Amino acid sequence: MAQQKIVLACSKCGSRNYITSAKIDRDKRFAIKKFCKHCGVSTLHLETK
């Protein structure tokens, strides 16, 4: 399967903290709970467009 680089942004402050890869043929936006260095807590990070 082909992989695509995606950028993850904090849902609380909006800063773009992480870059990861995921499959191209997925239906939903990628979301994962990660630590945000700007907020200082673990928040939900969503895939940006």
N, C-alpha and C. Protein backbone atom coordinates (compact mmCIF):
# COMPACT_ATOMS: atom_id res chain seq x y z
N MET A 1 0.83 -1.19 0.00
CA MET A 1 0.00 0.00 0.00
C MET A 1 0.88 1.26 0.00
N ALA A 2 0.39 2.26 -0.66
CA ALA A 2 1.11 3.53 -0.74
C ALA A 2 0.90 4.33 0.54
N GLN A 3 1.92 5.06 0.94
CA GLN A 3 1.87 5.89 2.14
C GLN A 3 1.92 7.36 1.73
N GLN A 4 1.31 8.19 2.57
CA GLN A 4 1.28 9.63 2.33
C GLN A 4 1.67 10.33 3.62
N LYS A 5 2.51 11.37 3.55
CA LYS A 5 2.87 12.14 4.73
C LYS A 5 1.72 13.06 5.09
N ILE A 6 1.37 13.10 6.38
CA ILE A 6 0.31 13.98 6.85
C ILE A 6 0.82 14.79 8.03
N VAL A 7 0.27 15.98 8.22
CA VAL A 7 0.65 16.87 9.31
C VAL A 7 -0.48 16.84 10.35
N LEU A 8 -0.10 16.74 11.62
CA LEU A 8 -1.08 16.71 12.71
C LEU A 8 -1.04 18.03 13.46
N ALA A 9 -2.23 18.59 13.71
CA ALA A 9 -2.34 19.85 14.43
C ALA A 9 -3.15 19.65 15.71
N CYS A 10 -2.77 20.36 16.75
CA CYS A 10 -3.46 20.31 18.04
C CYS A 10 -4.88 20.85 17.88
N SER A 11 -5.85 20.15 18.44
CA SER A 11 -7.24 20.61 18.35
C SER A 11 -7.53 21.75 19.31
N LYS A 12 -6.66 21.95 20.31
CA LYS A 12 -6.88 23.00 21.30
C LYS A 12 -6.27 24.34 20.86
N CYS A 13 -4.96 24.33 20.51
CA CYS A 13 -4.30 25.59 20.17
C CYS A 13 -4.04 25.75 18.67
N GLY A 14 -4.12 24.67 17.89
CA GLY A 14 -3.96 24.76 16.44
C GLY A 14 -2.54 24.67 15.94
N SER A 15 -1.55 24.50 16.83
CA SER A 15 -0.17 24.41 16.37
C SER A 15 0.08 23.06 15.71
N ARG A 16 0.89 23.09 14.66
CA ARG A 16 1.22 21.88 13.90
C ARG A 16 2.49 21.28 14.48
N ASN A 17 2.33 20.19 15.24
CA ASN A 17 3.43 19.63 16.01
C ASN A 17 4.05 18.38 15.43
N TYR A 18 3.30 17.55 14.73
CA TYR A 18 3.78 16.24 14.34
C TYR A 18 3.57 15.99 12.85
N ILE A 19 4.48 15.18 12.27
CA ILE A 19 4.35 14.70 10.90
C ILE A 19 4.42 13.19 10.96
N THR A 20 3.52 12.51 10.28
CA THR A 20 3.48 11.06 10.26
C THR A 20 3.06 10.59 8.88
N SER A 21 2.98 9.30 8.68
CA SER A 21 2.54 8.77 7.40
C SER A 21 1.34 7.85 7.63
N ALA A 22 0.48 7.78 6.62
CA ALA A 22 -0.71 6.95 6.70
C ALA A 22 -1.08 6.48 5.30
N LYS A 23 -1.95 5.49 5.22
CA LYS A 23 -2.39 4.98 3.93
C LYS A 23 -3.19 6.03 3.18
N ILE A 24 -3.07 6.02 1.87
CA ILE A 24 -3.77 7.00 1.04
C ILE A 24 -5.26 6.72 0.95
N ASP A 25 -5.65 5.46 0.92
CA ASP A 25 -7.04 5.07 0.65
C ASP A 25 -7.91 4.94 1.90
N ARG A 26 -7.74 5.82 2.88
CA ARG A 26 -8.59 5.78 4.08
C ARG A 26 -9.76 6.75 3.94
N ASP A 27 -10.83 6.47 4.67
CA ASP A 27 -12.06 7.26 4.55
C ASP A 27 -12.12 8.42 5.54
N LYS A 28 -11.62 8.21 6.74
CA LYS A 28 -11.73 9.22 7.80
C LYS A 28 -10.43 9.97 7.98
N ARG A 29 -10.52 11.16 8.58
CA ARG A 29 -9.33 11.94 8.92
C ARG A 29 -8.60 11.27 10.07
N PHE A 30 -7.29 11.30 10.03
CA PHE A 30 -6.45 10.69 11.04
C PHE A 30 -6.49 11.52 12.31
N ALA A 31 -6.67 10.89 13.46
CA ALA A 31 -6.69 11.58 14.76
C ALA A 31 -6.02 10.70 15.80
N ILE A 32 -5.20 11.33 16.65
CA ILE A 32 -4.49 10.60 17.70
C ILE A 32 -4.24 11.55 18.87
N LYS A 33 -4.21 10.99 20.07
CA LYS A 33 -3.95 11.81 21.25
C LYS A 33 -2.44 11.85 21.47
N LYS A 34 -1.85 13.06 21.43
CA LYS A 34 -0.41 13.27 21.56
C LYS A 34 -0.16 14.44 22.52
N PHE A 35 1.08 14.57 22.97
CA PHE A 35 1.47 15.67 23.84
C PHE A 35 1.73 16.92 23.01
N CYS A 36 1.15 18.04 23.41
CA CYS A 36 1.37 19.33 22.75
C CYS A 36 2.32 20.15 23.61
N LYS A 37 3.48 20.52 23.03
CA LYS A 37 4.47 21.27 23.81
C LYS A 37 4.04 22.70 24.07
N HIS A 38 3.10 23.23 23.29
CA HIS A 38 2.62 24.59 23.49
C HIS A 38 1.55 24.65 24.60
N CYS A 39 0.67 23.67 24.63
CA CYS A 39 -0.38 23.62 25.67
C CYS A 39 0.15 23.02 26.97
N GLY A 40 1.09 22.09 26.87
CA GLY A 40 1.65 21.45 28.05
C GLY A 40 0.86 20.24 28.53
N VAL A 41 -0.10 19.76 27.75
CA VAL A 41 -0.91 18.60 28.10
C VAL A 41 -1.10 17.73 26.85
N SER A 42 -1.61 16.51 27.06
CA SER A 42 -1.94 15.63 25.95
C SER A 42 -3.31 16.02 25.41
N THR A 43 -3.36 16.32 24.11
CA THR A 43 -4.61 16.71 23.47
C THR A 43 -4.81 15.90 22.21
N LEU A 44 -5.98 15.98 21.63
CA LEU A 44 -6.28 15.30 20.39
C LEU A 44 -5.65 16.07 19.24
N HIS A 45 -4.89 15.39 18.40
CA HIS A 45 -4.26 15.99 17.24
C HIS A 45 -4.95 15.44 15.99
N LEU A 46 -5.38 16.33 15.10
CA LEU A 46 -6.12 15.95 13.90
C LEU A 46 -5.29 16.22 12.66
N GLU A 47 -5.59 15.45 11.62
CA GLU A 47 -4.92 15.63 10.32
C GLU A 47 -5.36 16.96 9.71
N THR A 48 -4.39 17.72 9.20
CA THR A 48 -4.71 18.98 8.51
C THR A 48 -4.76 18.74 7.02
N LYS A 49 -5.36 19.66 6.31
CA LYS A 49 -5.46 19.51 4.87
C LYS A 49 -4.37 20.24 4.17
